[in-house]
Amino acid sequence: MAKSPDQEGFAEGQAKYQAAPELPQRWTLKVAPDGRFVIPAAARAAMDLDENGTVTAVLRDGALTLVSPHAVLRQIQALVKEHREKHGLTGSVVDELIAERREAAARGD
């Protein structure tokens, strides 16, 4: 007897568990008449902002996103890692650069 799609994953050894995606943290911020608002301490900590930190504000489709320099750095690092893995590159980028410079020096470049 064939299993219906809603019965799949319930037999022994067929469990198909997927973790729920992480829900975004949300805060309600009051905007003062002069346009100022306070970023809650928990949000500043999650953004790696110190007391004198700066953020980049991105407005897209009516949504304002605040991004810390540390968050941008992590995003860039993830993109570079993904690109290197996609192209089969492994090892240290620094070691590769040093090796290339030594080869160029040996050639007299």
C-alpha atoms as a PDB file:
ATOM      1  CA  MET A   1       0.000   0.000   0.000  1.00  0.00           C
ATOM      2  CA  ALA A   2       1.430   3.357  -1.039  1.00  0.00           C
ATOM      3  CA  LYS A   3       1.850   6.059   1.573  1.00  0.00           C
ATOM      4  CA  SER A   4       0.117   9.350   1.100  1.00  0.00           C
ATOM      5  CA  PRO A   5       2.368  12.423   1.017  1.00  0.00           C
ATOM      6  CA  ASP A   6       1.133  13.478   4.456  1.00  0.00           C
ATOM      7  CA  GLN A   7       2.229  10.104   5.929  1.00  0.00           C
ATOM      8  CA  GLU A   8       5.797  10.317   4.671  1.00  0.00           C
ATOM      9  CA  GLY A   9       8.463  10.849   7.287  1.00  0.00           C
ATOM     10  CA  PHE A  10       6.564   9.117  10.091  1.00  0.00           C
ATOM     11  CA  ALA A  11       7.974   5.606   9.685  1.00  0.00           C
ATOM     12  CA  GLU A  12      11.109   4.504  11.574  1.00  0.00           C
ATOM     13  CA  GLY A  13      14.222   5.848   9.901  1.00  0.00           C
ATOM     14  CA  GLN A  14      12.274   8.228   7.679  1.00  0.00           C
ATOM     15  CA  ALA A  15      12.138  11.230   9.979  1.00  0.00           C
ATOM     16  CA  LYS A  16      12.550  14.417   7.995  1.00  0.00           C
ATOM     17  CA  TYR A  17      13.278  17.059  10.588  1.00  0.00           C
ATOM     18  CA  GLN A  18      14.157  20.569   9.495  1.00  0.00           C
ATOM     19  CA  ALA A  19      15.056  23.245  11.974  1.00  0.00           C
ATOM     20  CA  ALA A  20      12.849  26.299  11.804  1.00  0.00           C
ATOM     21  CA  PRO A  21      14.571  29.369  10.399  1.00  0.00           C
ATOM     22  CA  GLU A  22      15.742  31.816  13.023  1.00  0.00           C
ATOM     23  CA  LEU A  23      13.138  34.485  13.603  1.00  0.00           C
ATOM     24  CA  PRO A  24      14.392  38.055  13.380  1.00  0.00           C
ATOM     25  CA  GLN A  25      14.551  40.065  16.573  1.00  0.00           C
ATOM     26  CA  ARG A  26      12.183  43.021  16.558  1.00  0.00           C
ATOM     27  CA  TRP A  27      11.906  46.185  18.588  1.00  0.00           C
ATOM     28  CA  THR A  28       9.447  49.055  18.536  1.00  0.00           C
ATOM     29  CA  LEU A  29      11.329  52.335  18.495  1.00  0.00           C
ATOM     30  CA  LYS A  30       9.846  55.746  19.203  1.00  0.00           C
ATOM     31  CA  VAL A  31      10.971  58.407  16.762  1.00  0.00           C
ATOM     32  CA  ALA A  32      11.343  61.851  18.318  1.00  0.00           C
ATOM     33  CA  PRO A  33      10.058  64.926  16.465  1.00  0.00           C
ATOM     34  CA  ASP A  34      13.633  65.663  15.324  1.00  0.00           C
ATOM     35  CA  GLY A  35      13.915  62.152  13.801  1.00  0.00           C
ATOM     36  CA  ARG A  36      16.116  60.641  16.510  1.00  0.00           C
ATOM     37  CA  PHE A  37      15.597  57.224  18.021  1.00  0.00           C
ATOM     38  CA  VAL A  38      17.547  54.974  20.363  1.00  0.00           C
ATOM     39  CA  ILE A  39      18.835  51.590  19.242  1.00  0.00           C
ATOM     40  CA  PRO A  40      18.206  49.184  22.154  1.00  0.00           C
ATOM     41  CA  ALA A  41      21.266  47.784  23.941  1.00  0.00           C
ATOM     42  CA  ALA A  42      20.434  44.212  22.851  1.00  0.00           C
ATOM     43  CA  ALA A  43      20.346  45.317  19.212  1.00  0.00           C
ATOM     44  CA  ARG A  44      23.617  47.252  19.558  1.00  0.00           C
ATOM     45  CA  ALA A  45      25.268  44.199  21.098  1.00  0.00           C
ATOM     46  CA  ALA A  46      23.988  41.934  18.300  1.00  0.00           C
ATOM     47  CA  MET A  47      25.312  44.448  15.747  1.00  0.00           C
ATOM     48  CA  ASP A  48      28.766  44.613  17.448  1.00  0.00           C
ATOM     49  CA  LEU A  49      28.366  48.350  17.995  1.00  0.00           C
ATOM     50  CA  ASP A  50      30.349  50.070  20.677  1.00  0.00           C
ATOM     51  CA  GLU A  51      29.315  53.334  22.329  1.00  0.00           C
ATOM     52  CA  ASN A  52      30.881  55.420  19.557  1.00  0.00           C
ATOM     53  CA  GLY A  53      29.867  53.116  16.738  1.00  0.00           C
ATOM     54  CA  THR A  54      28.571  54.150  13.356  1.00  0.00           C
ATOM     55  CA  VAL A  55      26.097  52.386  11.119  1.00  0.00           C
ATOM     56  CA  THR A  56      25.260  52.509   7.452  1.00  0.00           C
ATOM     57  CA  ALA A  57      21.593  53.131   6.744  1.00  0.00           C
ATOM     58  CA  VAL A  58      20.123  51.497   3.627  1.00  0.00           C
ATOM     59  CA  LEU A  59      16.660  52.488   2.423  1.00  0.00           C
ATOM     60  CA  ARG A  60      15.037  49.969   0.089  1.00  0.00           C
ATOM     61  CA  ASP A  61      11.361  49.770  -0.775  1.00  0.00           C
ATOM     62  CA  GLY A  62      10.417  51.900   2.220  1.00  0.00           C
ATOM     63  CA  ALA A  63      12.382  49.750   4.699  1.00  0.00           C
ATOM     64  CA  LEU A  64      15.334  51.266   6.538  1.00  0.00           C
ATOM     65  CA  THR A  65      18.079  48.802   7.433  1.00  0.00           C
ATOM     66  CA  LEU A  66      20.947  49.727   9.747  1.00  0.00           C
ATOM     67  CA  VAL A  67      24.172  47.807   9.200  1.00  0.00           C
ATOM     68  CA  SER A  68      27.268  47.928  11.383  1.00  0.00           C
ATOM     69  CA  PRO A  69      30.775  47.810   9.903  1.00  0.00           C
ATOM     70  CA  HIS A  70      31.342  44.429  11.594  1.00  0.00           C
ATOM     71  CA  ALA A  71      28.209  43.006   9.967  1.00  0.00           C
ATOM     72  CA  VAL A  72      29.337  44.238   6.548  1.00  0.00           C
ATOM     73  CA  LEU A  73      32.766  42.679   7.118  1.00  0.00           C
ATOM     74  CA  ARG A  74      31.174  39.318   8.022  1.00  0.00           C
ATOM     75  CA  GLN A  75      28.998  39.499   4.884  1.00  0.00           C
ATOM     76  CA  ILE A  76      32.039  40.194   2.692  1.00  0.00           C
ATOM     77  CA  GLN A  77      34.002  37.374   4.324  1.00  0.00           C
ATOM     78  CA  ALA A  78      31.115  34.966   3.697  1.00  0.00           C
ATOM     79  CA  LEU A  79      30.915  36.030   0.028  1.00  0.00           C
ATOM     80  CA  VAL A  80      34.669  35.563  -0.453  1.00  0.00           C
ATOM     81  CA  LYS A  81      34.568  32.161   1.261  1.00  0.00           C
ATOM     82  CA  GLU A  82      31.640  31.063  -0.916  1.00  0.00           C
ATOM     83  CA  HIS A  83      33.440  32.270  -4.069  1.00  0.00           C
ATOM     84  CA  ARG A  84      36.685  30.481  -3.133  1.00  0.00           C
ATOM     85  CA  GLU A  85      34.842  27.230  -2.342  1.00  0.00           C
ATOM     86  CA  LYS A  86      32.847  27.472  -5.575  1.00  0.00           C
ATOM     87  CA  HIS A  87      36.093  27.706  -7.539  1.00  0.00           C
ATOM     88  CA  GLY A  88      37.884  24.998  -5.555  1.00  0.00           C
ATOM     89  CA  LEU A  89      40.297  27.383  -3.865  1.00  0.00           C
ATOM     90  CA  THR A  90      41.572  26.292  -0.477  1.00  0.00           C
ATOM     91  CA  GLY A  91      44.178  27.464   1.978  1.00  0.00           C
ATOM     92  CA  SER A  92      45.189  30.891   3.147  1.00  0.00           C
ATOM     93  CA  VAL A  93      44.757  33.874   0.843  1.00  0.00           C
ATOM     94  CA  VAL A  94      47.738  35.486   2.583  1.00  0.00           C
ATOM     95  CA  ASP A  95      49.954  32.455   1.930  1.00  0.00           C
ATOM     96  CA  GLU A  96      48.879  32.475  -1.727  1.00  0.00           C
ATOM     97  CA  LEU A  97      49.748  36.177  -2.048  1.00  0.00           C
ATOM     98  CA  ILE A  98      53.163  35.685  -0.440  1.00  0.00           C
ATOM     99  CA  ALA A  99      53.904  32.751  -2.758  1.00  0.00           C
ATOM    100  CA  GLU A 100      52.871  34.812  -5.812  1.00  0.00           C
ATOM    101  CA  ARG A 101      55.083  37.716  -4.705  1.00  0.00           C
ATOM    102  CA  ARG A 102      58.053  35.407  -4.158  1.00  0.00           C
ATOM    103  CA  GLU A 103      57.577  33.851  -7.592  1.00  0.00           C
ATOM    104  CA  ALA A 104      57.402  37.322  -9.160  1.00  0.00           C
ATOM    105  CA  ALA A 105      60.554  38.382  -7.306  1.00  0.00           C
ATOM    106  CA  ALA A 106      62.374  35.240  -8.490  1.00  0.00           C
ATOM    107  CA  ARG A 107      61.386  36.064 -12.082  1.00  0.00           C
ATOM    108  CA  GLY A 108      62.584  39.637 -11.598  1.00  0.00           C
ATOM    109  CA  ASP A 109      59.121  41.188 -12.012  1.00  0.00           C
END
